[in-house]
Amino acid sequence: AEKNLKLEEKITMLQQQNEELRARIEQNTVITRQLSEENANLQEYVEKEVEEKKKLSRTNEELLWKLQEGDAVSPVKLPATSSTPFYRCSSGNSSPAKVRTLRR
C-alpha cells in the first residue's frame, strides 16, 4: 500500500511535468510562428529594398550616361546673372574645369 501511494505521487508529479512541458511546447510553437512571419516580412522588405536600390542604380547610371553622352553637344544656360551661353566640352568630361565659354 505504501509503495502504491509513492507510485501514485510519482505519477501525479510526472503528469504535472508533462502538462508543463506541453504548455511550453505550445508557447514555443506560437513564438516560432510569430518569428517565422516576422522573418518572412523582413525578407520581403529586404527584397523590395534591393529592387529599389537596383532601380536607383540604373536611374543613376542612365543620368550619368545622359550627362556625359546625351548632353555633350547641348548648351548649358547660366542663371540670369550672365547672358553668355556655356557649352560642355565635347570630350565627354563634364567637370567644371573642362567647361569653356564661347562667344558668338
PDB file of N, CA and C in Angstrom:
ATOM      1  N   ALA A   1       0.830  -1.190   0.000  1.00  0.00           N
ATOM      2  CA  ALA A   1       0.000   0.000   0.000  1.00  0.00           C
ATOM      3  C   ALA A   1       0.874   1.254   0.000  1.00  0.00           C
ATOM      4  N   GLU A   2       1.950   1.204   0.792  1.00  0.00           N
ATOM      5  CA  GLU A   2       2.851   2.356   0.844  1.00  0.00           C
ATOM      6  C   GLU A   2       3.550   2.546  -0.506  1.00  0.00           C
ATOM      7  N   LYS A   3       3.931   1.461  -1.131  1.00  0.00           N
ATOM      8  CA  LYS A   3       4.572   1.522  -2.440  1.00  0.00           C
ATOM      9  C   LYS A   3       3.599   2.067  -3.477  1.00  0.00           C
ATOM     10  N   ASN A   4       2.330   1.661  -3.411  1.00  0.00           N
ATOM     11  CA  ASN A   4       1.301   2.179  -4.315  1.00  0.00           C
ATOM     12  C   ASN A   4       1.136   3.682  -4.142  1.00  0.00           C
ATOM     13  N   LEU A   5       1.132   4.169  -2.922  1.00  0.00           N
ATOM     14  CA  LEU A   5       0.980   5.600  -2.622  1.00  0.00           C
ATOM     15  C   LEU A   5       2.138   6.385  -3.235  1.00  0.00           C
ATOM     16  N   LYS A   6       3.370   5.881  -3.079  1.00  0.00           N
ATOM     17  CA  LYS A   6       4.540   6.558  -3.639  1.00  0.00           C
ATOM     18  C   LYS A   6       4.469   6.560  -5.173  1.00  0.00           C
ATOM     19  N   LEU A   7       4.036   5.467  -5.750  1.00  0.00           N
ATOM     20  CA  LEU A   7       3.912   5.402  -7.199  1.00  0.00           C
ATOM     21  C   LEU A   7       2.839   6.359  -7.713  1.00  0.00           C
ATOM     22  N   GLU A   8       1.719   6.482  -6.992  1.00  0.00           N
ATOM     23  CA  GLU A   8       0.659   7.420  -7.379  1.00  0.00           C
ATOM     24  C   GLU A   8       1.155   8.859  -7.293  1.00  0.00           C
ATOM     25  N   GLU A   9       1.937   9.176  -6.265  1.00  0.00           N
ATOM     26  CA  GLU A   9       2.506  10.521  -6.132  1.00  0.00           C
ATOM     27  C   GLU A   9       3.458  10.801  -7.306  1.00  0.00           C
ATOM     28  N   LYS A  10       4.251   9.769  -7.644  1.00  0.00           N
ATOM     29  CA  LYS A  10       5.183   9.932  -8.751  1.00  0.00           C
ATOM     30  C   LYS A  10       4.424  10.116 -10.066  1.00  0.00           C
ATOM     31  N   ILE A  11       3.338   9.374 -10.259  1.00  0.00           N
ATOM     32  CA  ILE A  11       2.505   9.513 -11.452  1.00  0.00           C
ATOM     33  C   ILE A  11       1.937  10.922 -11.519  1.00  0.00           C
ATOM     34  N   THR A  12       1.435  11.424 -10.401  1.00  0.00           N
ATOM     35  CA  THR A  12       0.868  12.781 -10.346  1.00  0.00           C
ATOM     36  C   THR A  12       1.940  13.815 -10.690  1.00  0.00           C
ATOM     37  N   MET A  13       3.133  13.645 -10.116  1.00  0.00           N
ATOM     38  CA  MET A  13       4.229  14.577 -10.382  1.00  0.00           C
ATOM     39  C   MET A  13       4.617  14.527 -11.864  1.00  0.00           C
ATOM     40  N   LEU A  14       4.703  13.343 -12.440  1.00  0.00           N
ATOM     41  CA  LEU A  14       5.069  13.209 -13.853  1.00  0.00           C
ATOM     42  C   LEU A  14       3.993  13.786 -14.770  1.00  0.00           C
ATOM     43  N   GLN A  15       2.728  13.643 -14.374  1.00  0.00           N
ATOM     44  CA  GLN A  15       1.640  14.232 -15.164  1.00  0.00           C
ATOM     45  C   GLN A  15       1.711  15.755 -15.148  1.00  0.00           C
ATOM     46  N   GLN A  16       2.048  16.317 -13.998  1.00  0.00           N
ATOM     47  CA  GLN A  16       2.205  17.773 -13.903  1.00  0.00           C
ATOM     48  C   GLN A  16       3.369  18.248 -14.778  1.00  0.00           C
ATOM     49  N   GLN A  17       4.479  17.520 -14.714  1.00  0.00           N
ATOM     50  CA  GLN A  17       5.633  17.870 -15.547  1.00  0.00           C
ATOM     51  C   GLN A  17       5.259  17.771 -17.030  1.00  0.00           C
ATOM     52  N   ASN A  18       4.517  16.719 -17.366  1.00  0.00           N
ATOM     53  CA  ASN A  18       4.074  16.523 -18.741  1.00  0.00           C
ATOM     54  C   ASN A  18       3.214  17.699 -19.205  1.00  0.00           C
ATOM     55  N   GLU A  19       2.278  18.145 -18.388  1.00  0.00           N
ATOM     56  CA  GLU A  19       1.418  19.293 -18.721  1.00  0.00           C
ATOM     57  C   GLU A  19       2.238  20.569 -18.873  1.00  0.00           C
ATOM     58  N   GLU A  20       3.210  20.761 -17.979  1.00  0.00           N
ATOM     59  CA  GLU A  20       4.071  21.945 -18.073  1.00  0.00           C
ATOM     60  C   GLU A  20       4.871  21.930 -19.382  1.00  0.00           C
ATOM     61  N   LEU A  21       5.384  20.749 -19.730  1.00  0.00           N
ATOM     62  CA  LEU A  21       6.144  20.626 -20.972  1.00  0.00           C
ATOM     63  C   LEU A  21       5.262  20.857 -22.192  1.00  0.00           C
ATOM     64  N   ARG A  22       4.043  20.355 -22.170  1.00  0.00           N
ATOM     65  CA  ARG A  22       3.117  20.590 -23.282  1.00  0.00           C
ATOM     66  C   ARG A  22       2.809  22.083 -23.422  1.00  0.00           C
ATOM     67  N   ALA A  23       2.625  22.759 -22.280  1.00  0.00           N
ATOM     68  CA  ALA A  23       2.360  24.200 -22.315  1.00  0.00           C
ATOM     69  C   ALA A  23       3.558  24.949 -22.898  1.00  0.00           C
ATOM     70  N   ARG A  24       4.769  24.539 -22.507  1.00  0.00           N
ATOM     71  CA  ARG A  24       5.970  25.178 -23.052  1.00  0.00           C
ATOM     72  C   ARG A  24       6.098  24.924 -24.551  1.00  0.00           C
ATOM     73  N   ILE A  25       5.774  23.694 -24.981  1.00  0.00           N
ATOM     74  CA  ILE A  25       5.824  23.379 -26.407  1.00  0.00           C
ATOM     75  C   ILE A  25       4.837  24.245 -27.170  1.00  0.00           C
ATOM     76  N   GLU A  26       3.638  24.393 -26.637  1.00  0.00           N
ATOM     77  CA  GLU A  26       2.617  25.224 -27.291  1.00  0.00           C
ATOM     78  C   GLU A  26       3.073  26.680 -27.370  1.00  0.00           C
ATOM     79  N   GLN A  27       3.639  27.171 -26.266  1.00  0.00           N
ATOM     80  CA  GLN A  27       4.133  28.550 -26.241  1.00  0.00           C
ATOM     81  C   GLN A  27       5.271  28.726 -27.255  1.00  0.00           C
ATOM     82  N   ASN A  28       6.167  27.753 -27.303  1.00  0.00           N
ATOM     83  CA  ASN A  28       7.271  27.828 -28.273  1.00  0.00           C
ATOM     84  C   ASN A  28       6.753  27.757 -29.709  1.00  0.00           C
ATOM     85  N   THR A  29       5.699  26.993 -29.942  1.00  0.00           N
ATOM     86  CA  THR A  29       5.114  26.905 -31.271  1.00  0.00           C
ATOM     87  C   THR A  29       4.550  28.255 -31.689  1.00  0.00           C
ATOM     88  N   VAL A  30       3.857  28.927 -30.777  1.00  0.00           N
ATOM     89  CA  VAL A  30       3.297  30.251 -31.069  1.00  0.00           C
ATOM     90  C   VAL A  30       4.426  31.241 -31.375  1.00  0.00           C
ATOM     91  N   ILE A  31       5.464  31.219 -30.559  1.00  0.00           N
ATOM     92  CA  ILE A  31       6.596  32.132 -30.769  1.00  0.00           C
ATOM     93  C   ILE A  31       7.285  31.824 -32.100  1.00  0.00           C
ATOM     94  N   THR A  32       7.425  30.537 -32.416  1.00  0.00           N
ATOM     95  CA  THR A  32       8.050  30.141 -33.682  1.00  0.00           C
ATOM     96  C   THR A  32       7.244  30.653 -34.863  1.00  0.00           C
ATOM     97  N   ARG A  33       5.927  30.552 -34.786  1.00  0.00           N
ATOM     98  CA  ARG A  33       5.080  31.073 -35.873  1.00  0.00           C
ATOM     99  C   ARG A  33       5.243  32.578 -36.022  1.00  0.00           C
ATOM    100  N   GLN A  34       5.244  33.287 -34.885  1.00  0.00           N
ATOM    101  CA  GLN A  34       5.404  34.740 -34.936  1.00  0.00           C
ATOM    102  C   GLN A  34       6.750  35.120 -35.552  1.00  0.00           C
ATOM    103  N   LEU A  35       7.800  34.417 -35.139  1.00  0.00           N
ATOM    104  CA  LEU A  35       9.129  34.723 -35.670  1.00  0.00           C
ATOM    105  C   LEU A  35       9.220  34.378 -37.154  1.00  0.00           C
ATOM    106  N   SER A  36       8.552  33.313 -37.563  1.00  0.00           N
ATOM    107  CA  SER A  36       8.545  32.948 -38.987  1.00  0.00           C
ATOM    108  C   SER A  36       7.841  34.020 -39.812  1.00  0.00           C
ATOM    109  N   GLU A  37       6.717  34.517 -39.306  1.00  0.00           N
ATOM    110  CA  GLU A  37       6.007  35.599 -40.006  1.00  0.00           C
ATOM    111  C   GLU A  37       6.867  36.849 -40.081  1.00  0.00           C
ATOM    112  N   GLU A  38       7.497  37.186 -38.971  1.00  0.00           N
ATOM    113  CA  GLU A  38       8.348  38.373 -38.940  1.00  0.00           C
ATOM    114  C   GLU A  38       9.526  38.204 -39.903  1.00  0.00           C
ATOM    115  N   ASN A  39      10.098  37.003 -39.928  1.00  0.00           N
ATOM    116  CA  ASN A  39      11.205  36.727 -40.845  1.00  0.00           C
ATOM    117  C   ASN A  39      10.756  36.871 -42.292  1.00  0.00           C
ATOM    118  N   ALA A  40       9.585  36.328 -42.615  1.00  0.00           N
ATOM    119  CA  ALA A  40       9.068  36.440 -43.984  1.00  0.00           C
ATOM    120  C   ALA A  40       8.834  37.902 -44.351  1.00  0.00           C
ATOM    121  N   ASN A  41       8.278  38.669 -43.422  1.00  0.00           N
ATOM    122  CA  ASN A  41       8.044  40.098 -43.673  1.00  0.00           C
ATOM    123  C   ASN A  41       9.361  40.831 -43.886  1.00  0.00           C
ATOM    124  N   LEU A  42      10.368  40.507 -43.068  1.00  0.00           N
ATOM    125  CA  LEU A  42      11.658  41.168 -43.213  1.00  0.00           C
ATOM    126  C   LEU A  42      12.334  40.779 -44.522  1.00  0.00           C
ATOM    127  N   GLN A  43      12.203  39.518 -44.933  1.00  0.00           N
ATOM    128  CA  GLN A  43      12.776  39.102 -46.210  1.00  0.00           C
ATOM    129  C   GLN A  43      12.103  39.836 -47.357  1.00  0.00           C
ATOM    130  N   GLU A  44      10.789  39.989 -47.280  1.00  0.00           N
ATOM    131  CA  GLU A  44      10.057  40.730 -48.318  1.00  0.00           C
ATOM    132  C   GLU A  44      10.519  42.178 -48.359  1.00  0.00           C
ATOM    133  N   TYR A  45      10.693  42.775 -47.183  1.00  0.00           N
ATOM    134  CA  TYR A  45      11.166  44.157 -47.093  1.00  0.00           C
ATOM    135  C   TYR A  45      12.550  44.293 -47.716  1.00  0.00           C
ATOM    136  N   VAL A  46      13.443  43.342 -47.399  1.00  0.00           N
ATOM    137  CA  VAL A  46      14.799  43.390 -47.937  1.00  0.00           C
ATOM    138  C   VAL A  46      14.768  43.252 -49.456  1.00  0.00           C
ATOM    139  N   GLU A  47      13.940  42.344 -49.968  1.00  0.00           N
ATOM    140  CA  GLU A  47      13.826  42.171 -51.414  1.00  0.00           C
ATOM    141  C   GLU A  47      13.339  43.459 -52.077  1.00  0.00           C
ATOM    142  N   LYS A  48      12.370  44.121 -51.457  1.00  0.00           N
ATOM    143  CA  LYS A  48      11.881  45.390 -52.012  1.00  0.00           C
ATOM    144  C   LYS A  48      12.975  46.441 -51.986  1.00  0.00           C
ATOM    145  N   GLU A  49      13.734  46.483 -50.896  1.00  0.00           N
ATOM    146  CA  GLU A  49      14.826  47.450 -50.782  1.00  0.00           C
ATOM    147  C   GLU A  49      15.900  47.178 -51.833  1.00  0.00           C
ATOM    148  N   VAL A  50      16.214  45.898 -52.053  1.00  0.00           N
ATOM    149  CA  VAL A  50      17.214  45.539 -53.060  1.00  0.00           C
ATOM    150  C   VAL A  50      16.729  45.966 -54.440  1.00  0.00           C
ATOM    151  N   GLU A  51      15.461  45.723 -54.750  1.00  0.00           N
ATOM    152  CA  GLU A  51      14.912  46.127 -56.041  1.00  0.00           C
ATOM    153  C   GLU A  51      14.934  47.642 -56.194  1.00  0.00           C
ATOM    154  N   GLU A  52      14.597  48.352 -55.132  1.00  0.00           N
ATOM    155  CA  GLU A  52      14.621  49.818 -55.180  1.00  0.00           C
ATOM    156  C   GLU A  52      16.050  50.317 -55.387  1.00  0.00           C
ATOM    157  N   LYS A  53      17.000  49.669 -54.716  1.00  0.00           N
ATOM    158  CA  LYS A  53      18.398  50.062 -54.882  1.00  0.00           C
ATOM    159  C   LYS A  53      18.854  49.822 -56.314  1.00  0.00           C
ATOM    160  N   LYS A  54      18.470  48.675 -56.891  1.00  0.00           N
ATOM    161  CA  LYS A  54      18.821  48.390 -58.281  1.00  0.00           C
ATOM    162  C   LYS A  54      18.206  49.427 -59.212  1.00  0.00           C
ATOM    163  N   LYS A  55      16.941  49.764 -58.963  1.00  0.00           N
ATOM    164  CA  LYS A  55      16.257  50.749 -59.796  1.00  0.00           C
ATOM    165  C   LYS A  55      16.956  52.102 -59.711  1.00  0.00           C
ATOM    166  N   LEU A  56      17.318  52.514 -58.495  1.00  0.00           N
ATOM    167  CA  LEU A  56      18.004  53.793 -58.322  1.00  0.00           C
ATOM    168  C   LEU A  56      19.383  53.764 -58.976  1.00  0.00           C
ATOM    169  N   SER A  57      20.042  52.627 -58.890  1.00  0.00           N
ATOM    170  CA  SER A  57      21.350  52.489 -59.521  1.00  0.00           C
ATOM    171  C   SER A  57      21.232  52.608 -61.038  1.00  0.00           C
ATOM    172  N   ARG A  58      20.214  51.948 -61.613  1.00  0.00           N
ATOM    173  CA  ARG A  58      20.000  52.041 -63.062  1.00  0.00           C
ATOM    174  C   ARG A  58      19.682  53.478 -63.458  1.00  0.00           C
ATOM    175  N   THR A  59      18.841  54.137 -62.675  1.00  0.00           N
ATOM    176  CA  THR A  59      18.488  55.532 -62.958  1.00  0.00           C
ATOM    177  C   THR A  59      19.723  56.413 -62.883  1.00  0.00           C
ATOM    178  N   ASN A  60      20.539  56.168 -61.869  1.00  0.00           N
ATOM    179  CA  ASN A  60      21.767  56.946 -61.705  1.00  0.00           C
ATOM    180  C   ASN A  60      22.706  56.738 -62.893  1.00  0.00           C
ATOM    181  N   GLU A  61      22.876  55.482 -63.307  1.00  0.00           N
ATOM    182  CA  GLU A  61      23.726  55.203 -64.466  1.00  0.00           C
ATOM    183  C   GLU A  61      23.177  55.871 -65.720  1.00  0.00           C
ATOM    184  N   GLU A  62      21.860  55.808 -65.890  1.00  0.00           N
ATOM    185  CA  GLU A  62      21.245  56.435 -67.053  1.00  0.00           C
ATOM    186  C   GLU A  62      21.469  57.937 -67.046  1.00  0.00           C
ATOM    187  N   LEU A  63      21.299  58.551 -65.882  1.00  0.00           N
ATOM    188  CA  LEU A  63      21.502  60.002 -65.795  1.00  0.00           C
ATOM    189  C   LEU A  63      22.958  60.376 -66.032  1.00  0.00           C
ATOM    190  N   LEU A  64      23.875  59.569 -65.497  1.00  0.00           N
ATOM    191  CA  LEU A  64      25.289  59.845 -65.749  1.00  0.00           C
ATOM    192  C   LEU A  64      25.612  59.701 -67.234  1.00  0.00           C
ATOM    193  N   TRP A  65      25.048  58.679 -67.855  1.00  0.00           N
ATOM    194  CA  TRP A  65      25.280  58.485 -69.281  1.00  0.00           C
ATOM    195  C   TRP A  65      24.729  59.664 -70.072  1.00  0.00           C
ATOM    196  N   LYS A  66      23.506  60.087 -69.732  1.00  0.00           N
ATOM    197  CA  LYS A  66      22.912  61.232 -70.427  1.00  0.00           C
ATOM    198  C   LYS A  66      23.753  62.479 -70.223  1.00  0.00           C
ATOM    199  N   LEU A  67      24.274  62.634 -69.007  1.00  0.00           N
ATOM    200  CA  LEU A  67      25.086  63.805 -68.705  1.00  0.00           C
ATOM    201  C   LEU A  67      26.372  63.784 -69.522  1.00  0.00           C
ATOM    202  N   GLN A  68      26.998  62.622 -69.625  1.00  0.00           N
ATOM    203  CA  GLN A  68      28.274  62.530 -70.338  1.00  0.00           C
ATOM    204  C   GLN A  68      28.096  62.442 -71.846  1.00  0.00           C
ATOM    205  N   GLU A  69      27.124  61.726 -72.312  1.00  0.00           N
ATOM    206  CA  GLU A  69      26.976  61.476 -73.749  1.00  0.00           C
ATOM    207  C   GLU A  69      25.843  62.284 -74.386  1.00  0.00           C
ATOM    208  N   GLY A  70      24.667  62.173 -73.810  1.00  0.00           N
ATOM    209  CA  GLY A  70      23.488  62.769 -74.434  1.00  0.00           C
ATOM    210  C   GLY A  70      23.512  64.274 -74.469  1.00  0.00           C
ATOM    211  N   ASP A  71      24.092  64.887 -73.461  1.00  0.00           N
ATOM    212  CA  ASP A  71      24.110  66.341 -73.389  1.00  0.00           C
ATOM    213  C   ASP A  71      25.458  66.924 -73.806  1.00  0.00           C
ATOM    214  N   ALA A  72      26.304  66.143 -74.440  1.00  0.00           N
ATOM    215  CA  ALA A  72      27.649  66.606 -74.779  1.00  0.00           C
ATOM    216  C   ALA A  72      27.630  67.782 -75.745  1.00  0.00           C
ATOM    217  N   VAL A  73      26.606  67.889 -76.570  1.00  0.00           N
ATOM    218  CA  VAL A  73      26.563  68.973 -77.551  1.00  0.00           C
ATOM    219  C   VAL A  73      25.498  70.007 -77.241  1.00  0.00           C
ATOM    220  N   SER A  74      24.691  69.803 -76.215  1.00  0.00           N
ATOM    221  CA  SER A  74      23.640  70.781 -75.930  1.00  0.00           C
ATOM    222  C   SER A  74      24.186  71.903 -75.053  1.00  0.00           C
ATOM    223  N   PRO A  75      23.715  73.117 -75.267  1.00  0.00           N
ATOM    224  CA  PRO A  75      24.202  74.244 -74.463  1.00  0.00           C
ATOM    225  C   PRO A  75      23.669  74.182 -73.037  1.00  0.00           C
ATOM    226  N   VAL A  76      24.489  74.701 -72.136  1.00  0.00           N
ATOM    227  CA  VAL A  76      24.083  74.797 -70.744  1.00  0.00           C
ATOM    228  C   VAL A  76      23.912  76.270 -70.438  1.00  0.00           C
ATOM    229  N   LYS A  77      22.739  76.669 -70.001  1.00  0.00           N
ATOM    230  CA  LYS A  77      22.461  78.077 -69.734  1.00  0.00           C
ATOM    231  C   LYS A  77      22.748  78.392 -68.277  1.00  0.00           C
ATOM    232  N   LEU A  78      23.284  79.575 -68.046  1.00  0.00           N
ATOM    233  CA  LEU A  78      23.549  80.056 -66.699  1.00  0.00           C
ATOM    234  C   LEU A  78      22.307  80.753 -66.159  1.00  0.00           C
ATOM    235  N   PRO A  79      22.253  80.939 -64.863  1.00  0.00           N
ATOM    236  CA  PRO A  79      21.160  81.736 -64.297  1.00  0.00           C
ATOM    237  C   PRO A  79      21.193  83.154 -64.856  1.00  0.00           C
ATOM    238  N   ALA A  80      20.222  83.962 -64.574  1.00  0.00           N
ATOM    239  CA  ALA A  80      20.024  85.301 -65.140  1.00  0.00           C
ATOM    240  C   ALA A  80      21.184  86.252 -64.899  1.00  0.00           C
ATOM    241  N   THR A  81      22.212  85.880 -64.153  1.00  0.00           N
ATOM    242  CA  THR A  81      23.319  86.799 -63.870  1.00  0.00           C
ATOM    243  C   THR A  81      24.231  87.008 -65.064  1.00  0.00           C
ATOM    244  N   SER A  82      24.168  86.113 -66.051  1.00  0.00           N
ATOM    245  CA  SER A  82      25.037  86.266 -67.217  1.00  0.00           C
ATOM    246  C   SER A  82      24.255  85.914 -68.465  1.00  0.00           C
ATOM    247  N   SER A  83      24.549  86.604 -69.557  1.00  0.00           N
ATOM    248  CA  SER A  83      23.857  86.303 -70.803  1.00  0.00           C
ATOM    249  C   SER A  83      24.744  85.508 -71.754  1.00  0.00           C
ATOM    250  N   THR A  84      25.959  85.180 -71.331  1.00  0.00           N
ATOM    251  CA  THR A  84      26.884  84.433 -72.178  1.00  0.00           C
ATOM    252  C   THR A  84      26.563  82.946 -72.076  1.00  0.00           C
ATOM    253  N   PRO A  85      26.287  82.282 -73.200  1.00  0.00           N
ATOM    254  CA  PRO A  85      25.989  80.840 -73.135  1.00  0.00           C
ATOM    255  C   PRO A  85      27.252  80.024 -72.895  1.00  0.00           C
ATOM    256  N   PHE A  86      27.088  78.921 -72.211  1.00  0.00           N
ATOM    257  CA  PHE A  86      28.184  77.993 -71.957  1.00  0.00           C
ATOM    258  C   PHE A  86      27.894  76.695 -72.672  1.00  0.00           C
ATOM    259  N   TYR A  87      28.946  76.041 -73.129  1.00  0.00           N
ATOM    260  CA  TYR A  87      28.796  74.754 -73.801  1.00  0.00           C
ATOM    261  C   TYR A  87      29.674  73.732 -73.103  1.00  0.00           C
ATOM    262  N   ARG A  88      29.199  72.511 -73.064  1.00  0.00           N
ATOM    263  CA  ARG A  88      30.010  71.431 -72.488  1.00  0.00           C
ATOM    264  C   ARG A  88      31.115  71.073 -73.476  1.00  0.00           C
ATOM    265  N   CYS A  89      32.233  70.700 -72.934  1.00  0.00           N
ATOM    266  CA  CYS A  89      33.328  70.240 -73.772  1.00  0.00           C
ATOM    267  C   CYS A  89      32.922  68.918 -74.416  1.00  0.00           C
ATOM    268  N   SER A  90      33.195  68.754 -75.683  1.00  0.00           N
ATOM    269  CA  SER A  90      32.755  67.549 -76.393  1.00  0.00           C
ATOM    270  C   SER A  90      33.561  66.321 -76.019  1.00  0.00           C
ATOM    271  N   SER A  91      34.529  66.447 -75.118  1.00  0.00           N
ATOM    272  CA  SER A  91      35.330  65.291 -74.723  1.00  0.00           C
ATOM    273  C   SER A  91      34.532  64.324 -73.855  1.00  0.00           C
ATOM    274  N   GLY A  92      33.358  64.725 -73.411  1.00  0.00           N
ATOM    275  CA  GLY A  92      32.543  63.857 -72.575  1.00  0.00           C
ATOM    276  C   GLY A  92      32.789  64.081 -71.096  1.00  0.00           C
ATOM    277  N   ASN A  93      33.854  64.740 -70.745  1.00  0.00           N
ATOM    278  CA  ASN A  93      34.133  65.009 -69.341  1.00  0.00           C
ATOM    279  C   ASN A  93      33.350  66.247 -68.941  1.00  0.00           C
ATOM    280  N   SER A  94      32.528  66.121 -67.922  1.00  0.00           N
ATOM    281  CA  SER A  94      31.653  67.234 -67.569  1.00  0.00           C
ATOM    282  C   SER A  94      32.126  67.973 -66.327  1.00  0.00           C
ATOM    283  N   SER A  95      33.398  67.850 -65.972  1.00  0.00           N
ATOM    284  CA  SER A  95      33.870  68.565 -64.799  1.00  0.00           C
ATOM    285  C   SER A  95      33.920  70.058 -65.108  1.00  0.00           C
ATOM    286  N   PRO A  96      33.733  70.891 -64.092  1.00  0.00           N
ATOM    287  CA  PRO A  96      33.697  72.352 -64.321  1.00  0.00           C
ATOM    288  C   PRO A  96      34.968  72.889 -64.956  1.00  0.00           C
ATOM    289  N   ALA A  97      36.109  72.259 -64.726  1.00  0.00           N
ATOM    290  CA  ALA A  97      37.354  72.761 -65.291  1.00  0.00           C
ATOM    291  C   ALA A  97      37.367  72.604 -66.804  1.00  0.00           C
ATOM    292  N   LYS A  98      36.578  71.719 -67.359  1.00  0.00           N
ATOM    293  CA  LYS A  98      36.579  71.474 -68.797  1.00  0.00           C
ATOM    294  C   LYS A  98      35.536  72.306 -69.528  1.00  0.00           C
ATOM    295  N   VAL A  99      34.699  73.044 -68.818  1.00  0.00           N
ATOM    296  CA  VAL A  99      33.664  73.845 -69.452  1.00  0.00           C
ATOM    297  C   VAL A  99      34.298  75.156 -69.910  1.00  0.00           C
ATOM    298  N   ARG A 100      33.983  75.564 -71.127  1.00  0.00           N
ATOM    299  CA  ARG A 100      34.574  76.806 -71.623  1.00  0.00           C
ATOM    300  C   ARG A 100      33.496  77.706 -72.211  1.00  0.00           C
ATOM    301  N   THR A 101      33.773  78.969 -72.265  1.00  0.00           N
ATOM    302  CA  THR A 101      32.844  79.954 -72.795  1.00  0.00           C
ATOM    303  C   THR A 101      33.138  80.176 -74.268  1.00  0.00           C
ATOM    304  N   LEU A 102      32.072  80.185 -75.047  1.00  0.00           N
ATOM    305  CA  LEU A 102      32.217  80.510 -76.465  1.00  0.00           C
ATOM    306  C   LEU A 102      31.427  81.780 -76.746  1.00  0.00           C
ATOM    307  N   ARG A 103      32.073  82.728 -77.375  1.00  0.00           N
ATOM    308  CA  ARG A 103      31.388  83.978 -77.726  1.00  0.00           C
ATOM    309  C   ARG A 103      30.828  83.829 -79.128  1.00  0.00           C
ATOM    310  N   ARG A 104      29.643  84.400 -79.315  1.00  0.00           N
ATOM    311  CA  ARG A 104      29.008  84.353 -80.635  1.00  0.00           C
ATOM    312  C   ARG A 104      29.270  85.618 -81.415  1.00  0.00           C
TER     313      ARG A 104
END
